[in-house]
Full PDB file with SEQRES, HELIX, SHEET, SSBOND, CRYST1, ORIGX, SCALE, CONECT and MASTER records, all heavy atoms in Angstrom:
SEQRES   1 A   38  ARG GLY ASP LEU THR ALA LEU ALA GLU LEU LEU ASP PRO          
SEQRES   2 A   38  ASP VAL GLU LEU MET TRP TRP THR PRO GLY ASP TRP ASP          
SEQRES   3 A   38  CYS HIS GLY LYS ALA GLU VAL LEU ALA LEU LEU THR              
HELIX    1 AA1 THR A    5  LEU A   10  1                                   6    
HELIX    2 AA2 LYS A   30  LEU A   37  1                                   8    
SHEET    1 AA1 2 GLU A  16  LEU A  17  0                                        
SHEET    2 AA1 2 CYS A  27  HIS A  28 -1                                        
CRYST1    1.000    1.000    1.000  90.00  90.00  90.00 P 1           1          
ORIGX1      1.000000  0.000000  0.000000        0.00000                         
ORIGX2      0.000000  1.000000  0.000000        0.00000                         
ORIGX3      0.000000  0.000000  1.000000        0.00000                         
SCALE1      1.000000  0.000000  0.000000        0.00000                         
SCALE2      0.000000  1.000000  0.000000        0.00000                         
SCALE3      0.000000  0.000000  1.000000        0.00000                         
ATOM      1  N   ARG A   1    -110.791-106.013  57.471  1.00  0.00           N  
ATOM      2  CA  ARG A   1    -110.598-104.750  56.739  1.00  0.00           C  
ATOM      3  C   ARG A   1    -109.113-104.463  56.537  1.00  0.00           C  
ATOM      4  O   ARG A   1    -108.757-103.432  55.977  1.00  0.00           O  
ATOM      5  CB  ARG A   1    -111.229-103.589  57.508  1.00  0.00           C  
ATOM      6  CG  ARG A   1    -112.729-103.605  57.574  1.00  0.00           C  
ATOM      7  CD  ARG A   1    -113.262-102.285  58.137  1.00  0.00           C  
ATOM      8  NE  ARG A   1    -112.485-101.804  59.270  1.00  0.00           N  
ATOM      9  CZ  ARG A   1    -112.870-101.889  60.559  1.00  0.00           C  
ATOM     10  NH1 ARG A   1    -114.016-102.426  60.865  1.00  0.00           N  
ATOM     11  NH2 ARG A   1    -112.103-101.410  61.511  1.00  0.00           N  
ATOM     12  N   GLY A   2    -108.254-105.346  57.048  1.00  0.00           N  
ATOM     13  CA  GLY A   2    -106.819-105.144  56.926  1.00  0.00           C  
ATOM     14  C   GLY A   2    -106.217-104.351  58.071  1.00  0.00           C  
ATOM     15  O   GLY A   2    -105.056-103.968  58.019  1.00  0.00           O  
ATOM     16  N   ASP A   3    -106.987-104.097  59.127  1.00  0.00           N  
ATOM     17  CA  ASP A   3    -106.533-103.320  60.275  1.00  0.00           C  
ATOM     18  C   ASP A   3    -106.251-104.260  61.441  1.00  0.00           C  
ATOM     19  O   ASP A   3    -107.172-104.839  62.010  1.00  0.00           O  
ATOM     20  CB  ASP A   3    -107.610-102.298  60.654  1.00  0.00           C  
ATOM     21  CG  ASP A   3    -107.279-101.530  61.911  1.00  0.00           C  
ATOM     22  OD1 ASP A   3    -106.120-101.578  62.370  1.00  0.00           O  
ATOM     23  OD2 ASP A   3    -108.185-100.869  62.443  1.00  0.00           O  
ATOM     24  N   LEU A   4    -104.988-104.414  61.784  1.00  0.00           N  
ATOM     25  CA  LEU A   4    -104.615-105.313  62.878  1.00  0.00           C  
ATOM     26  C   LEU A   4    -104.597-104.613  64.238  1.00  0.00           C  
ATOM     27  O   LEU A   4    -104.402-105.268  65.257  1.00  0.00           O  
ATOM     28  CB  LEU A   4    -103.254-105.931  62.607  1.00  0.00           C  
ATOM     29  CG  LEU A   4    -103.246-107.007  61.533  1.00  0.00           C  
ATOM     30  CD1 LEU A   4    -101.825-107.391  61.164  1.00  0.00           C  
ATOM     31  CD2 LEU A   4    -104.011-108.217  61.987  1.00  0.00           C  
ATOM     32  N   THR A   5    -104.819-103.309  64.272  1.00  0.00           N  
ATOM     33  CA  THR A   5    -104.739-102.566  65.531  1.00  0.00           C  
ATOM     34  C   THR A   5    -105.714-103.093  66.573  1.00  0.00           C  
ATOM     35  O   THR A   5    -105.322-103.357  67.713  1.00  0.00           O  
ATOM     36  CB  THR A   5    -104.974-101.061  65.285  1.00  0.00           C  
ATOM     37  OG1 THR A   5    -104.046-100.612  64.310  1.00  0.00           O  
ATOM     38  CG2 THR A   5    -104.793-100.273  66.560  1.00  0.00           C  
ATOM     39  N   ALA A   6    -106.986-103.236  66.210  1.00  0.00           N  
ATOM     40  CA  ALA A   6    -107.986-103.709  67.176  1.00  0.00           C  
ATOM     41  C   ALA A   6    -107.674-105.125  67.633  1.00  0.00           C  
ATOM     42  O   ALA A   6    -107.833-105.454  68.812  1.00  0.00           O  
ATOM     43  CB  ALA A   6    -109.389-103.641  66.580  1.00  0.00           C  
ATOM     44  N   LEU A   7    -107.204-105.965  66.731  1.00  0.00           N  
ATOM     45  CA  LEU A   7    -106.841-107.332  67.091  1.00  0.00           C  
ATOM     46  C   LEU A   7    -105.608-107.338  67.997  1.00  0.00           C  
ATOM     47  O   LEU A   7    -105.557-108.057  68.990  1.00  0.00           O  
ATOM     48  CB  LEU A   7    -106.590-108.163  65.835  1.00  0.00           C  
ATOM     49  CG  LEU A   7    -106.485-109.669  66.004  1.00  0.00           C  
ATOM     50  CD1 LEU A   7    -107.736-110.246  66.643  1.00  0.00           C  
ATOM     51  CD2 LEU A   7    -106.231-110.331  64.672  1.00  0.00           C  
ATOM     52  N   ALA A   8    -104.627-106.506  67.685  1.00  0.00           N  
ATOM     53  CA  ALA A   8    -103.404-106.428  68.486  1.00  0.00           C  
ATOM     54  C   ALA A   8    -103.712-106.035  69.929  1.00  0.00           C  
ATOM     55  O   ALA A   8    -103.081-106.547  70.864  1.00  0.00           O  
ATOM     56  CB  ALA A   8    -102.430-105.438  67.871  1.00  0.00           C  
ATOM     57  N   GLU A   9    -104.678-105.159  70.116  1.00  0.00           N  
ATOM     58  CA  GLU A   9    -105.051-104.715  71.458  1.00  0.00           C  
ATOM     59  C   GLU A   9    -105.630-105.851  72.300  1.00  0.00           C  
ATOM     60  O   GLU A   9    -105.619-105.782  73.520  1.00  0.00           O  
ATOM     61  CB  GLU A   9    -106.045-103.566  71.384  1.00  0.00           C  
ATOM     62  CG  GLU A   9    -105.447-102.298  70.837  1.00  0.00           C  
ATOM     63  CD  GLU A   9    -106.485-101.216  70.573  1.00  0.00           C  
ATOM     64  OE1 GLU A   9    -107.686-101.435  70.833  1.00  0.00           O  
ATOM     65  OE2 GLU A   9    -106.083-100.138  70.116  1.00  0.00           O  
ATOM     66  N   LEU A  10    -106.132-106.888  71.649  1.00  0.00           N  
ATOM     67  CA  LEU A  10    -106.743-108.010  72.360  1.00  0.00           C  
ATOM     68  C   LEU A  10    -105.745-109.098  72.754  1.00  0.00           C  
ATOM     69  O   LEU A  10    -106.085-110.002  73.501  1.00  0.00           O  
ATOM     70  CB  LEU A  10    -107.824-108.650  71.485  1.00  0.00           C  
ATOM     71  CG  LEU A  10    -109.044-107.816  71.180  1.00  0.00           C  
ATOM     72  CD1 LEU A  10    -109.953-108.566  70.224  1.00  0.00           C  
ATOM     73  CD2 LEU A  10    -109.778-107.450  72.451  1.00  0.00           C  
ATOM     74  N   LEU A  11    -104.533-109.026  72.229  1.00  0.00           N  
ATOM     75  CA  LEU A  11    -103.571-110.107  72.439  1.00  0.00           C  
ATOM     76  C   LEU A  11    -102.759-109.927  73.711  1.00  0.00           C  
ATOM     77  O   LEU A  11    -102.151-108.882  73.937  1.00  0.00           O  
ATOM     78  CB  LEU A  11    -102.619-110.209  71.242  1.00  0.00           C  
ATOM     79  CG  LEU A  11    -103.258-110.488  69.894  1.00  0.00           C  
ATOM     80  CD1 LEU A  11    -102.179-110.525  68.808  1.00  0.00           C  
ATOM     81  CD2 LEU A  11    -104.062-111.772  69.914  1.00  0.00           C  
ATOM     82  N   ASP A  12    -102.731-110.970  74.521  1.00  0.00           N  
ATOM     83  CA  ASP A  12    -101.881-111.014  75.690  1.00  0.00           C  
ATOM     84  C   ASP A  12    -100.425-111.018  75.214  1.00  0.00           C  
ATOM     85  O   ASP A  12    -100.128-111.583  74.160  1.00  0.00           O  
ATOM     86  CB  ASP A  12    -102.193-112.304  76.466  1.00  0.00           C  
ATOM     87  CG  ASP A  12    -101.419-112.416  77.750  1.00  0.00           C  
ATOM     88  OD1 ASP A  12    -101.904-111.899  78.769  1.00  0.00           O  
ATOM     89  OD2 ASP A  12    -100.328-113.042  77.733  1.00  0.00           O  
ATOM     90  N   PRO A  13     -99.497-110.427  75.956  1.00  0.00           N  
ATOM     91  CA  PRO A  13     -98.089-110.450  75.529  1.00  0.00           C  
ATOM     92  C   PRO A  13     -97.540-111.866  75.309  1.00  0.00           C  
ATOM     93  O   PRO A  13     -96.664-112.060  74.477  1.00  0.00           O  
ATOM     94  CB  PRO A  13     -97.349-109.760  76.682  1.00  0.00           C  
ATOM     95  CG  PRO A  13     -98.379-108.917  77.353  1.00  0.00           C  
ATOM     96  CD  PRO A  13     -99.693-109.650  77.177  1.00  0.00           C  
ATOM     97  N   ASP A  14     -98.075-112.846  76.029  1.00  0.00           N  
ATOM     98  CA  ASP A  14     -97.593-114.223  75.910  1.00  0.00           C  
ATOM     99  C   ASP A  14     -98.537-115.119  75.104  1.00  0.00           C  
ATOM    100  O   ASP A  14     -98.504-116.347  75.236  1.00  0.00           O  
ATOM    101  CB  ASP A  14     -97.388-114.826  77.303  1.00  0.00           C  
ATOM    102  CG  ASP A  14     -96.311-114.095  78.090  1.00  0.00           C  
ATOM    103  OD1 ASP A  14     -95.287-113.720  77.484  1.00  0.00           O  
ATOM    104  OD2 ASP A  14     -96.514-113.872  79.296  1.00  0.00           O  
ATOM    105  N   VAL A  15     -99.361-114.535  74.260  1.00  0.00           N  
ATOM    106  CA  VAL A  15    -100.325-115.289  73.467  1.00  0.00           C  
ATOM    107  C   VAL A  15     -99.628-116.362  72.636  1.00  0.00           C  
ATOM    108  O   VAL A  15     -98.478-116.195  72.220  1.00  0.00           O  
ATOM    109  CB  VAL A  15    -101.145-114.342  72.555  1.00  0.00           C  
ATOM    110  CG1 VAL A  15    -100.268-113.668  71.517  1.00  0.00           C  
ATOM    111  CG2 VAL A  15    -102.309-115.071  71.895  1.00  0.00           C  
ATOM    112  N   GLU A  16    -100.337-117.471  72.411  1.00  0.00           N  
ATOM    113  CA  GLU A  16     -99.826-118.534  71.549  1.00  0.00           C  
ATOM    114  C   GLU A  16    -100.827-118.786  70.429  1.00  0.00           C  
ATOM    115  O   GLU A  16    -102.029-118.811  70.661  1.00  0.00           O  
ATOM    116  CB  GLU A  16     -99.637-119.829  72.333  1.00  0.00           C  
ATOM    117  CG  GLU A  16     -98.536-119.768  73.352  1.00  0.00           C  
ATOM    118  CD  GLU A  16     -98.320-121.096  74.024  1.00  0.00           C  
ATOM    119  OE1 GLU A  16     -99.312-121.786  74.335  1.00  0.00           O  
ATOM    120  OE2 GLU A  16     -97.152-121.448  74.220  1.00  0.00           O  
ATOM    121  N   LEU A  17    -100.308-118.979  69.235  1.00  0.00           N  
ATOM    122  CA  LEU A  17    -101.095-119.381  68.074  1.00  0.00           C  
ATOM    123  C   LEU A  17    -100.530-120.725  67.642  1.00  0.00           C  
ATOM    124  O   LEU A  17     -99.382-120.815  67.199  1.00  0.00           O  
ATOM    125  CB  LEU A  17    -100.980-118.354  66.949  1.00  0.00           C  
ATOM    126  CG  LEU A  17    -101.615-118.719  65.610  1.00  0.00           C  
ATOM    127  CD1 LEU A  17    -103.105-118.980  65.758  1.00  0.00           C  
ATOM    128  CD2 LEU A  17    -101.370-117.619  64.591  1.00  0.00           C  
ATOM    129  N   MET A  18    -101.335-121.769  67.821  1.00  0.00           N  
ATOM    130  CA  MET A  18    -100.852-123.121  67.589  1.00  0.00           C  
ATOM    131  C   MET A  18    -101.562-123.748  66.387  1.00  0.00           C  
ATOM    132  O   MET A  18    -102.787-123.702  66.299  1.00  0.00           O  
ATOM    133  CB  MET A  18    -101.089-123.976  68.830  1.00  0.00           C  
ATOM    134  CG  MET A  18    -100.559-123.340  70.128  1.00  0.00           C  
ATOM    135  SD  MET A  18     -98.793-122.966  70.106  1.00  0.00           S  
ATOM    136  CE  MET A  18     -98.170-124.610  70.361  1.00  0.00           C  
ATOM    137  N   TRP A  19    -100.773-124.318  65.484  1.00  0.00           N  
ATOM    138  CA  TRP A  19    -101.287-125.012  64.307  1.00  0.00           C  
ATOM    139  C   TRP A  19    -101.830-126.363  64.734  1.00  0.00           C  
ATOM    140  O   TRP A  19    -101.497-126.860  65.803  1.00  0.00           O  
ATOM    141  CB  TRP A  19    -100.133-125.169  63.321  1.00  0.00           C  
ATOM    142  CG  TRP A  19    -100.522-125.653  61.956  1.00  0.00           C  
ATOM    143  CD1 TRP A  19    -100.219-126.861  61.424  1.00  0.00           C  
ATOM    144  CD2 TRP A  19    -101.247-124.949  60.968  1.00  0.00           C  
ATOM    145  NE1 TRP A  19    -100.708-126.960  60.156  1.00  0.00           N  
ATOM    146  CE2 TRP A  19    -101.355-125.791  59.838  1.00  0.00           C  
ATOM    147  CE3 TRP A  19    -101.825-123.683  60.906  1.00  0.00           C  
ATOM    148  CZ2 TRP A  19    -102.009-125.417  58.679  1.00  0.00           C  
ATOM    149  CZ3 TRP A  19    -102.482-123.312  59.748  1.00  0.00           C  
ATOM    150  CH2 TRP A  19    -102.568-124.175  58.653  1.00  0.00           C  
ATOM    151  N   TRP A  20    -102.649-127.002  63.906  1.00  0.00           N  
ATOM    152  CA  TRP A  20    -103.214-128.301  64.290  1.00  0.00           C  
ATOM    153  C   TRP A  20    -102.155-129.381  64.422  1.00  0.00           C  
ATOM    154  O   TRP A  20    -102.344-130.352  65.125  1.00  0.00           O  
ATOM    155  CB  TRP A  20    -104.357-128.748  63.403  1.00  0.00           C  
ATOM    156  CG  TRP A  20    -104.082-128.826  61.924  1.00  0.00           C  
ATOM    157  CD1 TRP A  20    -103.281-129.706  61.274  1.00  0.00           C  
ATOM    158  CD2 TRP A  20    -104.659-128.007  60.917  1.00  0.00           C  
ATOM    159  NE1 TRP A  20    -103.306-129.489  59.927  1.00  0.00           N  
ATOM    160  CE2 TRP A  20    -104.164-128.440  59.670  1.00  0.00           C  
ATOM    161  CE3 TRP A  20    -105.546-126.945  60.921  1.00  0.00           C  
ATOM    162  CZ2 TRP A  20    -104.510-127.854  58.469  1.00  0.00           C  
ATOM    163  CZ3 TRP A  20    -105.898-126.362  59.724  1.00  0.00           C  
ATOM    164  CH2 TRP A  20    -105.384-126.816  58.518  1.00  0.00           C  
ATOM    165  N   THR A  21    -101.027-129.239  63.723  1.00  0.00           N  
ATOM    166  CA  THR A  21     -99.893-130.132  63.887  1.00  0.00           C  
ATOM    167  C   THR A  21     -98.734-129.291  64.416  1.00  0.00           C  
ATOM    168  O   THR A  21     -98.301-128.365  63.738  1.00  0.00           O  
ATOM    169  CB  THR A  21     -99.488-130.770  62.536  1.00  0.00           C  
ATOM    170  OG1 THR A  21    -100.618-131.457  62.003  1.00  0.00           O  
ATOM    171  CG2 THR A  21     -98.335-131.734  62.698  1.00  0.00           C  
ATOM    172  N   PRO A  22     -98.236-129.565  65.616  1.00  0.00           N  
ATOM    173  CA  PRO A  22     -97.151-128.752  66.171  1.00  0.00           C  
ATOM    174  C   PRO A  22     -95.964-128.675  65.218  1.00  0.00           C  
ATOM    175  O   PRO A  22     -95.615-129.650  64.557  1.00  0.00           O  
ATOM    176  CB  PRO A  22     -96.769-129.492  67.457  1.00  0.00           C  
ATOM    177  CG  PRO A  22     -98.001-130.260  67.820  1.00  0.00           C  
ATOM    178  CD  PRO A  22     -98.639-130.649  66.509  1.00  0.00           C  
ATOM    179  N   GLY A  23     -95.373-127.481  65.146  1.00  0.00           N  
ATOM    180  CA  GLY A  23     -94.216-127.313  64.276  1.00  0.00           C  
ATOM    181  C   GLY A  23     -93.940-125.869  63.935  1.00  0.00           C  
ATOM    182  O   GLY A  23     -94.186-124.960  64.734  1.00  0.00           O  
ATOM    183  N   ASP A  24     -93.453-125.652  62.716  1.00  0.00           N  
ATOM    184  CA  ASP A  24     -93.002-124.337  62.279  1.00  0.00           C  
ATOM    185  C   ASP A  24     -94.096-123.274  62.230  1.00  0.00           C  
ATOM    186  O   ASP A  24     -93.800-122.083  62.237  1.00  0.00           O  
ATOM    187  CB  ASP A  24     -92.351-124.435  60.891  1.00  0.00           C  
ATOM    188  CG  ASP A  24     -91.051-125.223  60.925  1.00  0.00           C  
ATOM    189  OD1 ASP A  24     -90.471-125.363  62.021  1.00  0.00           O  
ATOM    190  OD2 ASP A  24     -90.630-125.705  59.861  1.00  0.00           O  
ATOM    191  N   TRP A  25     -95.350-123.677  62.138  1.00  0.00           N  
ATOM    192  CA  TRP A  25     -96.445-122.705  62.045  1.00  0.00           C  
ATOM    193  C   TRP A  25     -96.844-122.146  63.408  1.00  0.00           C  
ATOM    194  O   TRP A  25     -97.594-121.195  63.498  1.00  0.00           O  
ATOM    195  CB  TRP A  25     -97.662-123.345  61.379  1.00  0.00           C  
ATOM    196  CG  TRP A  25     -97.465-123.549  59.911  1.00  0.00           C  
ATOM    197  CD1 TRP A  25     -96.867-124.613  59.306  1.00  0.00           C  
ATOM    198  CD2 TRP A  25     -97.859-122.676  58.867  1.00  0.00           C  
ATOM    199  NE1 TRP A  25     -96.873-124.461  57.945  1.00  0.00           N  
ATOM    200  CE2 TRP A  25     -97.474-123.271  57.646  1.00  0.00           C  
ATOM    201  CE3 TRP A  25     -98.502-121.453  58.838  1.00  0.00           C  
ATOM    202  CZ2 TRP A  25     -97.706-122.674  56.419  1.00  0.00           C  
ATOM    203  CZ3 TRP A  25     -98.742-120.861  57.599  1.00  0.00           C  
ATOM    204  CH2 TRP A  25     -98.335-121.471  56.417  1.00  0.00           C  
ATOM    205  N   ASP A  26     -96.368-122.744  64.482  1.00  0.00           N  
ATOM    206  CA  ASP A  26     -96.709-122.272  65.824  1.00  0.00           C  
ATOM    207  C   ASP A  26     -96.028-120.935  66.109  1.00  0.00           C  
ATOM    208  O   ASP A  26     -94.877-120.719  65.711  1.00  0.00           O  
ATOM    209  CB  ASP A  26     -96.278-123.282  66.879  1.00  0.00           C  
ATOM    210  CG  ASP A  26     -97.043-124.594  66.792  1.00  0.00           C  
ATOM    211  OD1 ASP A  26     -98.087-124.631  66.111  1.00  0.00           O  
ATOM    212  OD2 ASP A  26     -96.590-125.573  67.402  1.00  0.00           O  
ATOM    213  N   CYS A  27     -96.741-120.057  66.805  1.00  0.00           N  
ATOM    214  CA  CYS A  27     -96.204-118.750  67.175  1.00  0.00           C  
ATOM    215  C   CYS A  27     -96.336-118.571  68.681  1.00  0.00           C  
ATOM    216  O   CYS A  27     -97.382-118.875  69.255  1.00  0.00           O  
ATOM    217  CB  CYS A  27     -96.974-117.625  66.488  1.00  0.00           C  
ATOM    218  SG  CYS A  27     -96.874-117.627  64.701  1.00  0.00           S  
ATOM    219  N   HIS A  28     -95.294-118.029  69.281  1.00  0.00           N  
ATOM    220  CA  HIS A  28     -95.276-117.799  70.724  1.00  0.00           C  
ATOM    221  C   HIS A  28     -94.980-116.324  70.980  1.00  0.00           C  
ATOM    222  O   HIS A  28     -93.924-115.834  70.585  1.00  0.00           O  
ATOM    223  CB  HIS A  28     -94.222-118.679  71.398  1.00  0.00           C  
ATOM    224  CG  HIS A  28     -94.421-120.136  71.108  1.00  0.00           C  
ATOM    225  ND1 HIS A  28     -95.310-120.902  71.811  1.00  0.00           N  
ATOM    226  CD2 HIS A  28     -93.872-120.942  70.171  1.00  0.00           C  
ATOM    227  CE1 HIS A  28     -95.292-122.134  71.332  1.00  0.00           C  
ATOM    228  NE2 HIS A  28     -94.431-122.182  70.328  1.00  0.00           N  
ATOM    229  N   GLY A  29     -95.902-115.632  71.599  1.00  0.00           N  
ATOM    230  CA  GLY A  29     -95.726-114.220  71.918  1.00  0.00           C  
ATOM    231  C   GLY A  29     -96.430-113.319  70.914  1.00  0.00           C  
ATOM    232  O   GLY A  29     -96.638-113.679  69.751  1.00  0.00           O  
ATOM    233  N   LYS A  30     -96.806-112.174  71.399  1.00  0.00           N  
ATOM    234  CA  LYS A  30     -97.584-111.218  70.613  1.00  0.00           C  
ATOM    235  C   LYS A  30     -96.875-110.805  69.318  1.00  0.00           C  
ATOM    236  O   LYS A  30     -97.495-110.731  68.264  1.00  0.00           O  
ATOM    237  CB  LYS A  30     -97.871-109.991  71.487  1.00  0.00           C  
ATOM    238  CG  LYS A  30     -98.804-108.997  70.890  1.00  0.00           C  
ATOM    239  CD  LYS A  30     -99.142-107.920  71.915  1.00  0.00           C  
ATOM    240  CE  LYS A  30    -100.128-106.930  71.374  1.00  0.00           C  
ATOM    241  NZ  LYS A  30    -100.555-105.967  72.409  1.00  0.00           N  
ATOM    242  N   ALA A  31     -95.572-110.565  69.382  1.00  0.00           N  
ATOM    243  CA  ALA A  31     -94.836-110.126  68.187  1.00  0.00           C  
ATOM    244  C   ALA A  31     -94.879-111.182  67.086  1.00  0.00           C  
ATOM    245  O   ALA A  31     -95.111-110.856  65.918  1.00  0.00           O  
ATOM    246  CB  ALA A  31     -93.393-109.779  68.543  1.00  0.00           C  
ATOM    247  N   GLU A  32     -94.654-112.455  67.434  1.00  0.00           N  
ATOM    248  CA  GLU A  32     -94.696-113.525  66.431  1.00  0.00           C  
ATOM    249  C   GLU A  32     -96.090-113.693  65.838  1.00  0.00           C  
ATOM    250  O   GLU A  32     -96.240-113.877  64.633  1.00  0.00           O  
ATOM    251  CB  GLU A  32     -94.268-114.867  67.048  1.00  0.00           C  
ATOM    252  CG  GLU A  32     -92.789-115.055  67.161  1.00  0.00           C  
ATOM    253  CD  GLU A  32     -92.430-116.471  67.607  1.00  0.00           C  
ATOM    254  OE1 GLU A  32     -93.159-117.432  67.271  1.00  0.00           O  
ATOM    255  OE2 GLU A  32     -91.411-116.600  68.300  1.00  0.00           O  
ATOM    256  N   VAL A  33     -97.106-113.647  66.701  1.00  0.00           N  
ATOM    257  CA  VAL A  33     -98.485-113.801  66.225  1.00  0.00           C  
ATOM    258  C   VAL A  33     -98.835-112.665  65.275  1.00  0.00           C  
ATOM    259  O   VAL A  33     -99.369-112.891  64.185  1.00  0.00           O  
ATOM    260  CB  VAL A  33     -99.477-113.873  67.407  1.00  0.00           C  
ATOM    261  CG1 VAL A  33    -100.919-113.786  66.915  1.00  0.00           C  
ATOM    262  CG2 VAL A  33     -99.263-115.155  68.197  1.00  0.00           C  
ATOM    263  N   LEU A  34     -98.525-111.436  65.653  1.00  0.00           N  
ATOM    264  CA  LEU A  34     -98.837-110.294  64.789  1.00  0.00           C  
ATOM    265  C   LEU A  34     -98.057-110.347  63.480  1.00  0.00           C  
ATOM    266  O   LEU A  34     -98.589-109.984  62.424  1.00  0.00           O  
ATOM    267  CB  LEU A  34     -98.570-108.983  65.515  1.00  0.00           C  
ATOM    268  CG  LEU A  34     -99.598-108.625  66.569  1.00  0.00           C  
ATOM    269  CD1 LEU A  34     -99.162-107.393  67.353  1.00  0.00           C  
ATOM    270  CD2 LEU A  34    -100.978-108.411  65.944  1.00  0.00           C  
ATOM    271  N   ALA A  35     -96.816-110.821  63.521  1.00  0.00           N  
ATOM    272  CA  ALA A  35     -96.033-110.944  62.286  1.00  0.00           C  
ATOM    273  C   ALA A  35     -96.707-111.918  61.326  1.00  0.00           C  
ATOM    274  O   ALA A  35     -96.830-111.641  60.120  1.00  0.00           O  
ATOM    275  CB  ALA A  35     -94.613-111.388  62.600  1.00  0.00           C  
ATOM    276  N   LEU A  36     -97.162-113.051  61.836  1.00  0.00           N  
ATOM    277  CA  LEU A  36     -97.838-114.040  60.988  1.00  0.00           C  
ATOM    278  C   LEU A  36     -99.149-113.478  60.443  1.00  0.00           C  
ATOM    279  O   LEU A  36     -99.438-113.608  59.246  1.00  0.00           O  
ATOM    280  CB  LEU A  36     -98.099-115.330  61.755  1.00  0.00           C  
ATOM    281  CG  LEU A  36     -98.863-116.399  60.967  1.00  0.00           C  
ATOM    282  CD1 LEU A  36     -98.053-116.874  59.767  1.00  0.00           C  
ATOM    283  CD2 LEU A  36     -99.239-117.557  61.861  1.00  0.00           C  
ATOM    284  N   LEU A  37     -99.947-112.846  61.294  1.00  0.00           N  
ATOM    285  CA  LEU A  37    -101.225-112.296  60.830  1.00  0.00           C  
ATOM    286  C   LEU A  37    -101.021-111.176  59.823  1.00  0.00           C  
ATOM    287  O   LEU A  37    -101.778-111.058  58.858  1.00  0.00           O  
ATOM    288  CB  LEU A  37    -102.054-111.820  62.021  1.00  0.00           C  
ATOM    289  CG  LEU A  37    -102.486-112.921  62.995  1.00  0.00           C  
ATOM    290  CD1 LEU A  37    -103.247-112.322  64.168  1.00  0.00           C  
ATOM    291  CD2 LEU A  37    -103.287-113.998  62.305  1.00  0.00           C  
ATOM    292  N   THR A  38     -99.990-110.370  60.010  1.00  0.00           N  
ATOM    293  CA  THR A  38     -99.672-109.301  59.052  1.00  0.00           C  
ATOM    294  C   THR A  38     -99.284-109.905  57.708  1.00  0.00           C  
ATOM    295  O   THR A  38     -99.719-109.436  56.656  1.00  0.00           O  
ATOM    296  CB  THR A  38     -98.535-108.416  59.595  1.00  0.00           C  
ATOM    297  OG1 THR A  38     -98.966-107.829  60.821  1.00  0.00           O  
ATOM    298  CG2 THR A  38     -98.155-107.327  58.614  1.00  0.00           C  
TER     299      THR A  38                                                      
MASTER        0    0    0    2    2    0    0    6  298    1    0    3          
END                                                                             
């Protein structure tokens, strides 16, 4: 629905979002993950 609030509440401060090939698409930490999802 375009609302990241509920998703943000579920993220650990040290969450990682990893692409299938390691590199520039990887995100480390809640702020980076939320920036990419936004």
